[in-house]
Amino acid sequence: MRFLRALIIGILCLFPGTIIGYLGWLLTGSSLDNYSLQVVFFCNLLPLGSIILGFMWAWMNGEEYGVNFQS
């Protein structure tokens, strides 16, 4: 349950990351060259990073869903 919750929250973090990436892409001049640094960072790395950070945040804060076996 903890993994599934963290995965869903991580995927949902794609939306704010994409919006921030789009605004950053617009502010840097809206380059149409797919290999320019601005396009790679704002359109690829920023949304992917937001997914990873969202997953890590949800994993660290989802301790109540963790399974603790005690023998």
PDB file of N, CA and C in Angstrom:
ATOM      1  N   MET A   1       0.820  -1.188   0.000  1.00  0.00           N
ATOM      2  CA  MET A   1       0.000   0.000   0.000  1.00  0.00           C
ATOM      3  C   MET A   1       0.869   1.259   0.000  1.00  0.00           C
ATOM      4  N   ARG A   2       1.972   1.203   0.721  1.00  0.00           N
ATOM      5  CA  ARG A   2       2.846   2.377   0.790  1.00  0.00           C
ATOM      6  C   ARG A   2       3.451   2.686  -0.577  1.00  0.00           C
ATOM      7  N   PHE A   3       3.891   1.635  -1.274  1.00  0.00           N
ATOM      8  CA  PHE A   3       4.487   1.834  -2.595  1.00  0.00           C
ATOM      9  C   PHE A   3       3.453   2.377  -3.582  1.00  0.00           C
ATOM     10  N   LEU A   4       2.263   1.813  -3.559  1.00  0.00           N
ATOM     11  CA  LEU A   4       1.218   2.254  -4.481  1.00  0.00           C
ATOM     12  C   LEU A   4       0.833   3.710  -4.215  1.00  0.00           C
ATOM     13  N   ARG A   5       0.707   4.079  -2.942  1.00  0.00           N
ATOM     14  CA  ARG A   5       0.393   5.459  -2.588  1.00  0.00           C
ATOM     15  C   ARG A   5       1.495   6.405  -3.047  1.00  0.00           C
ATOM     16  N   ALA A   6       2.745   6.027  -2.812  1.00  0.00           N
ATOM     17  CA  ALA A   6       3.866   6.866  -3.218  1.00  0.00           C
ATOM     18  C   ALA A   6       3.942   6.978  -4.738  1.00  0.00           C
ATOM     19  N   LEU A   7       3.647   5.896  -5.443  1.00  0.00           N
ATOM     20  CA  LEU A   7       3.675   5.920  -6.903  1.00  0.00           C
ATOM     21  C   LEU A   7       2.588   6.834  -7.460  1.00  0.00           C
ATOM     22  N   ILE A   8       1.396   6.758  -6.904  1.00  0.00           N
ATOM     23  CA  ILE A   8       0.302   7.607  -7.384  1.00  0.00           C
ATOM     24  C   ILE A   8       0.600   9.074  -7.122  1.00  0.00           C
ATOM     25  N   ILE A   9       1.094   9.400  -5.935  1.00  0.00           N
ATOM     26  CA  ILE A   9       1.426  10.786  -5.626  1.00  0.00           C
ATOM     27  C   ILE A   9       2.569  11.272  -6.510  1.00  0.00           C
ATOM     28  N   GLY A  10       3.549  10.408  -6.761  1.00  0.00           N
ATOM     29  CA  GLY A  10       4.649  10.775  -7.646  1.00  0.00           C
ATOM     30  C   GLY A  10       4.175  11.073  -9.057  1.00  0.00           C
ATOM     31  N   ILE A  11       3.262  10.261  -9.559  1.00  0.00           N
ATOM     32  CA  ILE A  11       2.728  10.492 -10.910  1.00  0.00           C
ATOM     33  C   ILE A  11       1.895  11.773 -10.946  1.00  0.00           C
ATOM     34  N   LEU A  12       1.147  12.041  -9.879  1.00  0.00           N
ATOM     35  CA  LEU A  12       0.350  13.268  -9.835  1.00  0.00           C
ATOM     36  C   LEU A  12       1.217  14.524  -9.761  1.00  0.00           C
ATOM     37  N   CYS A  13       2.445  14.375  -9.309  1.00  0.00           N
ATOM     38  CA  CYS A  13       3.363  15.519  -9.268  1.00  0.00           C
ATOM     39  C   CYS A  13       3.844  15.904 -10.663  1.00  0.00           C
ATOM     40  N   LEU A  14       3.499  15.111 -11.668  1.00  0.00           N
ATOM     41  CA  LEU A  14       3.833  15.456 -13.045  1.00  0.00           C
ATOM     42  C   LEU A  14       3.144  16.756 -13.470  1.00  0.00           C
ATOM     43  N   PHE A  15       1.919  16.963 -13.018  1.00  0.00           N
ATOM     44  CA  PHE A  15       1.158  18.132 -13.455  1.00  0.00           C
ATOM     45  C   PHE A  15       1.776  19.451 -13.001  1.00  0.00           C
ATOM     46  N   PRO A  16       2.092  19.635 -11.717  1.00  0.00           N
ATOM     47  CA  PRO A  16       2.741  20.906 -11.359  1.00  0.00           C
ATOM     48  C   PRO A  16       4.130  21.047 -11.977  1.00  0.00           C
ATOM     49  N   GLY A  17       4.848  19.932 -12.117  1.00  0.00           N
ATOM     50  CA  GLY A  17       6.166  20.002 -12.751  1.00  0.00           C
ATOM     51  C   GLY A  17       6.077  20.414 -14.207  1.00  0.00           C
ATOM     52  N   THR A  18       5.050  19.939 -14.892  1.00  0.00           N
ATOM     53  CA  THR A  18       4.858  20.312 -16.292  1.00  0.00           C
ATOM     54  C   THR A  18       4.460  21.776 -16.431  1.00  0.00           C
ATOM     55  N   ILE A  19       3.612  22.249 -15.538  1.00  0.00           N
ATOM     56  CA  ILE A  19       3.205  23.651 -15.591  1.00  0.00           C
ATOM     57  C   ILE A  19       4.391  24.566 -15.319  1.00  0.00           C
ATOM     58  N   ILE A  20       5.179  24.237 -14.307  1.00  0.00           N
ATOM     59  CA  ILE A  20       6.366  25.043 -14.007  1.00  0.00           C
ATOM     60  C   ILE A  20       7.361  24.969 -15.161  1.00  0.00           C
ATOM     61  N   GLY A  21       7.521  23.788 -15.748  1.00  0.00           N
ATOM     62  CA  GLY A  21       8.407  23.643 -16.901  1.00  0.00           C
ATOM     63  C   GLY A  21       7.945  24.444 -18.096  1.00  0.00           C
ATOM     64  N   TYR A  22       6.650  24.459 -18.333  1.00  0.00           N
ATOM     65  CA  TYR A  22       6.112  25.243 -19.450  1.00  0.00           C
ATOM     66  C   TYR A  22       6.339  26.732 -19.241  1.00  0.00           C
ATOM     67  N   LEU A  23       6.088  27.202 -18.018  1.00  0.00           N
ATOM     68  CA  LEU A  23       6.322  28.617 -17.737  1.00  0.00           C
ATOM     69  C   LEU A  23       7.805  28.967 -17.845  1.00  0.00           C
ATOM     70  N   GLY A  24       8.673  28.077 -17.392  1.00  0.00           N
ATOM     71  CA  GLY A  24      10.117  28.305 -17.533  1.00  0.00           C
ATOM     72  C   GLY A  24      10.540  28.316 -18.989  1.00  0.00           C
ATOM     73  N   TRP A  25       9.954  27.429 -19.786  1.00  0.00           N
ATOM     74  CA  TRP A  25      10.261  27.386 -21.221  1.00  0.00           C
ATOM     75  C   TRP A  25       9.819  28.678 -21.900  1.00  0.00           C
ATOM     76  N   LEU A  26       8.649  29.187 -21.513  1.00  0.00           N
ATOM     77  CA  LEU A  26       8.182  30.455 -22.076  1.00  0.00           C
ATOM     78  C   LEU A  26       9.083  31.611 -21.665  1.00  0.00           C
ATOM     79  N   LEU A  27       9.521  31.640 -20.404  1.00  0.00           N
ATOM     80  CA  LEU A  27      10.354  32.734 -19.908  1.00  0.00           C
ATOM     81  C   LEU A  27      11.749  32.738 -20.521  1.00  0.00           C
ATOM     82  N   THR A  28      12.230  31.574 -20.958  1.00  0.00           N
ATOM     83  CA  THR A  28      13.573  31.523 -21.548  1.00  0.00           C
ATOM     84  C   THR A  28      13.573  31.738 -23.055  1.00  0.00           C
ATOM     85  N   GLY A  29      12.428  32.036 -23.635  1.00  0.00           N
ATOM     86  CA  GLY A  29      12.409  32.391 -25.044  1.00  0.00           C
ATOM     87  C   GLY A  29      11.711  31.409 -25.955  1.00  0.00           C
ATOM     88  N   SER A  30      11.147  30.356 -25.453  1.00  0.00           N
ATOM     89  CA  SER A  30      10.366  29.386 -26.234  1.00  0.00           C
ATOM     90  C   SER A  30      11.137  28.836 -27.426  1.00  0.00           C
ATOM     91  N   SER A  31      12.295  28.312 -27.180  1.00  0.00           N
ATOM     92  CA  SER A  31      13.103  27.756 -28.257  1.00  0.00           C
ATOM     93  C   SER A  31      12.418  26.539 -28.868  1.00  0.00           C
ATOM     94  N   LEU A  32      12.445  26.434 -30.192  1.00  0.00           N
ATOM     95  CA  LEU A  32      11.849  25.290 -30.877  1.00  0.00           C
ATOM     96  C   LEU A  32      12.873  24.209 -31.198  1.00  0.00           C
ATOM     97  N   ASP A  33      14.129  24.448 -30.879  1.00  0.00           N
ATOM     98  CA  ASP A  33      15.180  23.451 -31.090  1.00  0.00           C
ATOM     99  C   ASP A  33      15.096  22.426 -29.961  1.00  0.00           C
ATOM    100  N   ASN A  34      14.794  21.177 -30.315  1.00  0.00           N
ATOM    101  CA  ASN A  34      14.589  20.138 -29.310  1.00  0.00           C
ATOM    102  C   ASN A  34      15.843  19.782 -28.530  1.00  0.00           C
ATOM    103  N   TYR A  35      17.011  20.144 -29.015  1.00  0.00           N
ATOM    104  CA  TYR A  35      18.250  19.780 -28.344  1.00  0.00           C
ATOM    105  C   TYR A  35      18.877  20.935 -27.578  1.00  0.00           C
ATOM    106  N   SER A  36      18.186  22.065 -27.491  1.00  0.00           N
ATOM    107  CA  SER A  36      18.738  23.181 -26.728  1.00  0.00           C
ATOM    108  C   SER A  36      18.591  22.882 -25.231  1.00  0.00           C
ATOM    109  N   LEU A  37      19.443  23.491 -24.435  1.00  0.00           N
ATOM    110  CA  LEU A  37      19.458  23.230 -22.995  1.00  0.00           C
ATOM    111  C   LEU A  37      18.149  23.622 -22.328  1.00  0.00           C
ATOM    112  N   GLN A  38      17.548  24.718 -22.767  1.00  0.00           N
ATOM    113  CA  GLN A  38      16.293  25.160 -22.162  1.00  0.00           C
ATOM    114  C   GLN A  38      15.174  24.145 -22.383  1.00  0.00           C
ATOM    115  N   VAL A  39      15.081  23.606 -23.580  1.00  0.00           N
ATOM    116  CA  VAL A  39      14.022  22.642 -23.883  1.00  0.00           C
ATOM    117  C   VAL A  39      14.256  21.349 -23.113  1.00  0.00           C
ATOM    118  N   VAL A  40      15.476  20.873 -23.088  1.00  0.00           N
ATOM    119  CA  VAL A  40      15.773  19.622 -22.387  1.00  0.00           C
ATOM    120  C   VAL A  40      15.499  19.771 -20.895  1.00  0.00           C
ATOM    121  N   PHE A  41      15.926  20.881 -20.308  1.00  0.00           N
ATOM    122  CA  PHE A  41      15.737  21.057 -18.871  1.00  0.00           C
ATOM    123  C   PHE A  41      14.275  21.256 -18.506  1.00  0.00           C
ATOM    124  N   PHE A  42      13.629  22.250 -19.128  1.00  0.00           N
ATOM    125  CA  PHE A  42      12.279  22.608 -18.714  1.00  0.00           C
ATOM    126  C   PHE A  42      11.217  21.622 -19.188  1.00  0.00           C
ATOM    127  N   CYS A  43      11.423  20.975 -20.315  1.00  0.00           N
ATOM    128  CA  CYS A  43      10.386  20.093 -20.850  1.00  0.00           C
ATOM    129  C   CYS A  43      10.618  18.621 -20.517  1.00  0.00           C
ATOM    130  N   ASN A  44      11.826  18.259 -20.117  1.00  0.00           N
ATOM    131  CA  ASN A  44      12.104  16.848 -19.832  1.00  0.00           C
ATOM    132  C   ASN A  44      12.576  16.624 -18.398  1.00  0.00           C
ATOM    133  N   LEU A  45      13.621  17.320 -18.008  1.00  0.00           N
ATOM    134  CA  LEU A  45      14.217  17.059 -16.700  1.00  0.00           C
ATOM    135  C   LEU A  45      13.363  17.575 -15.543  1.00  0.00           C
ATOM    136  N   LEU A  46      12.760  18.727 -15.698  1.00  0.00           N
ATOM    137  CA  LEU A  46      11.951  19.287 -14.615  1.00  0.00           C
ATOM    138  C   LEU A  46      10.715  18.435 -14.314  1.00  0.00           C
ATOM    139  N   PRO A  47       9.913  18.015 -15.303  1.00  0.00           N
ATOM    140  CA  PRO A  47       8.786  17.138 -14.975  1.00  0.00           C
ATOM    141  C   PRO A  47       9.232  15.775 -14.423  1.00  0.00           C
ATOM    142  N   LEU A  48      10.304  15.223 -14.964  1.00  0.00           N
ATOM    143  CA  LEU A  48      10.798  13.945 -14.450  1.00  0.00           C
ATOM    144  C   LEU A  48      11.309  14.091 -13.021  1.00  0.00           C
ATOM    145  N   GLY A  49      11.993  15.183 -12.751  1.00  0.00           N
ATOM    146  CA  GLY A  49      12.469  15.451 -11.400  1.00  0.00           C
ATOM    147  C   GLY A  49      11.326  15.653 -10.414  1.00  0.00           C
ATOM    148  N   SER A  50      10.251  16.278 -10.856  1.00  0.00           N
ATOM    149  CA  SER A  50       9.108  16.463  -9.960  1.00  0.00           C
ATOM    150  C   SER A  50       8.443  15.132  -9.632  1.00  0.00           C
ATOM    151  N   ILE A  51       8.418  14.204 -10.576  1.00  0.00           N
ATOM    152  CA  ILE A  51       7.881  12.870 -10.304  1.00  0.00           C
ATOM    153  C   ILE A  51       8.750  12.163  -9.268  1.00  0.00           C
ATOM    154  N   ILE A  52      10.055  12.221  -9.448  1.00  0.00           N
ATOM    155  CA  ILE A  52      10.973  11.551  -8.529  1.00  0.00           C
ATOM    156  C   ILE A  52      10.894  12.166  -7.135  1.00  0.00           C
ATOM    157  N   LEU A  53      10.897  13.495  -7.061  1.00  0.00           N
ATOM    158  CA  LEU A  53      10.794  14.154  -5.758  1.00  0.00           C
ATOM    159  C   LEU A  53       9.446  13.892  -5.096  1.00  0.00           C
ATOM    160  N   GLY A  54       8.382  13.868  -5.872  1.00  0.00           N
ATOM    161  CA  GLY A  54       7.063  13.550  -5.317  1.00  0.00           C
ATOM    162  C   GLY A  54       7.001  12.138  -4.780  1.00  0.00           C
ATOM    163  N   PHE A  55       7.614  11.198  -5.489  1.00  0.00           N
ATOM    164  CA  PHE A  55       7.655   9.812  -5.011  1.00  0.00           C
ATOM    165  C   PHE A  55       8.453   9.712  -3.719  1.00  0.00           C
ATOM    166  N   MET A  56       9.613  10.369  -3.677  1.00  0.00           N
ATOM    167  CA  MET A  56      10.453  10.316  -2.477  1.00  0.00           C
ATOM    168  C   MET A  56       9.747  10.962  -1.288  1.00  0.00           C
ATOM    169  N   TRP A  57       9.081  12.088  -1.500  1.00  0.00           N
ATOM    170  CA  TRP A  57       8.354  12.750  -0.427  1.00  0.00           C
ATOM    171  C   TRP A  57       7.228  11.864   0.099  1.00  0.00           C
ATOM    172  N   ALA A  58       6.470  11.254  -0.816  1.00  0.00           N
ATOM    173  CA  ALA A  58       5.365  10.394  -0.404  1.00  0.00           C
ATOM    174  C   ALA A  58       5.879   9.148   0.305  1.00  0.00           C
ATOM    175  N   TRP A  59       7.018   8.624  -0.108  1.00  0.00           N
ATOM    176  CA  TRP A  59       7.577   7.437   0.538  1.00  0.00           C
ATOM    177  C   TRP A  59       8.018   7.760   1.968  1.00  0.00           C
ATOM    178  N   MET A  60       8.661   8.904   2.145  1.00  0.00           N
ATOM    179  CA  MET A  60       9.139   9.271   3.483  1.00  0.00           C
ATOM    180  C   MET A  60       7.980   9.596   4.426  1.00  0.00           C
ATOM    181  N   ASN A  61       6.903  10.164   3.900  1.00  0.00           N
ATOM    182  CA  ASN A  61       5.773  10.539   4.740  1.00  0.00           C
ATOM    183  C   ASN A  61       4.696   9.465   4.831  1.00  0.00           C
ATOM    184  N   GLY A  62       4.903   8.321   4.225  1.00  0.00           N
ATOM    185  CA  GLY A  62       3.902   7.258   4.243  1.00  0.00           C
ATOM    186  C   GLY A  62       4.229   6.157   5.222  1.00  0.00           C
ATOM    187  N   GLU A  63       4.856   6.487   6.333  1.00  0.00           N
ATOM    188  CA  GLU A  63       5.275   5.480   7.306  1.00  0.00           C
ATOM    189  C   GLU A  63       4.090   4.739   7.922  1.00  0.00           C
ATOM    190  N   GLU A  64       2.946   5.404   8.031  1.00  0.00           N
ATOM    191  CA  GLU A  64       1.796   4.742   8.645  1.00  0.00           C
ATOM    192  C   GLU A  64       1.269   3.594   7.787  1.00  0.00           C
ATOM    193  N   TYR A  65       1.664   3.565   6.501  1.00  0.00           N
ATOM    194  CA  TYR A  65       1.244   2.484   5.626  1.00  0.00           C
ATOM    195  C   TYR A  65       2.301   1.397   5.515  1.00  0.00           C
ATOM    196  N   GLY A  66       3.409   1.564   6.179  1.00  0.00           N
ATOM    197  CA  GLY A  66       4.480   0.572   6.117  1.00  0.00           C
ATOM    198  C   GLY A  66       4.098  -0.694   6.870  1.00  0.00           C
ATOM    199  N   VAL A  67       4.641  -1.801   6.414  1.00  0.00           N
ATOM    200  CA  VAL A  67       4.392  -3.091   7.053  1.00  0.00           C
ATOM    201  C   VAL A  67       5.581  -3.410   7.934  1.00  0.00           C
ATOM    202  N   ASN A  68       5.341  -3.523   9.217  1.00  0.00           N
ATOM    203  CA  ASN A  68       6.397  -3.847  10.164  1.00  0.00           C
ATOM    204  C   ASN A  68       6.120  -5.212  10.784  1.00  0.00           C
ATOM    205  N   PHE A  69       6.904  -6.210  10.392  1.00  0.00           N
ATOM    206  CA  PHE A  69       6.747  -7.546  10.940  1.00  0.00           C
ATOM    207  C   PHE A  69       7.543  -7.667  12.219  1.00  0.00           C
ATOM    208  N   GLN A  70       6.898  -8.110  13.280  1.00  0.00           N
ATOM    209  CA  GLN A  70       7.577  -8.327  14.548  1.00  0.00           C
ATOM    210  C   GLN A  70       7.366  -9.777  14.957  1.00  0.00           C
ATOM    211  N   SER A  71       8.470 -10.473  15.201  1.00  0.00           N
ATOM    212  CA  SER A  71       8.375 -11.884  15.565  1.00  0.00           C
ATOM    213  C   SER A  71       8.526 -12.064  17.052  1.00  0.00           C
TER     214      SER A  71
END
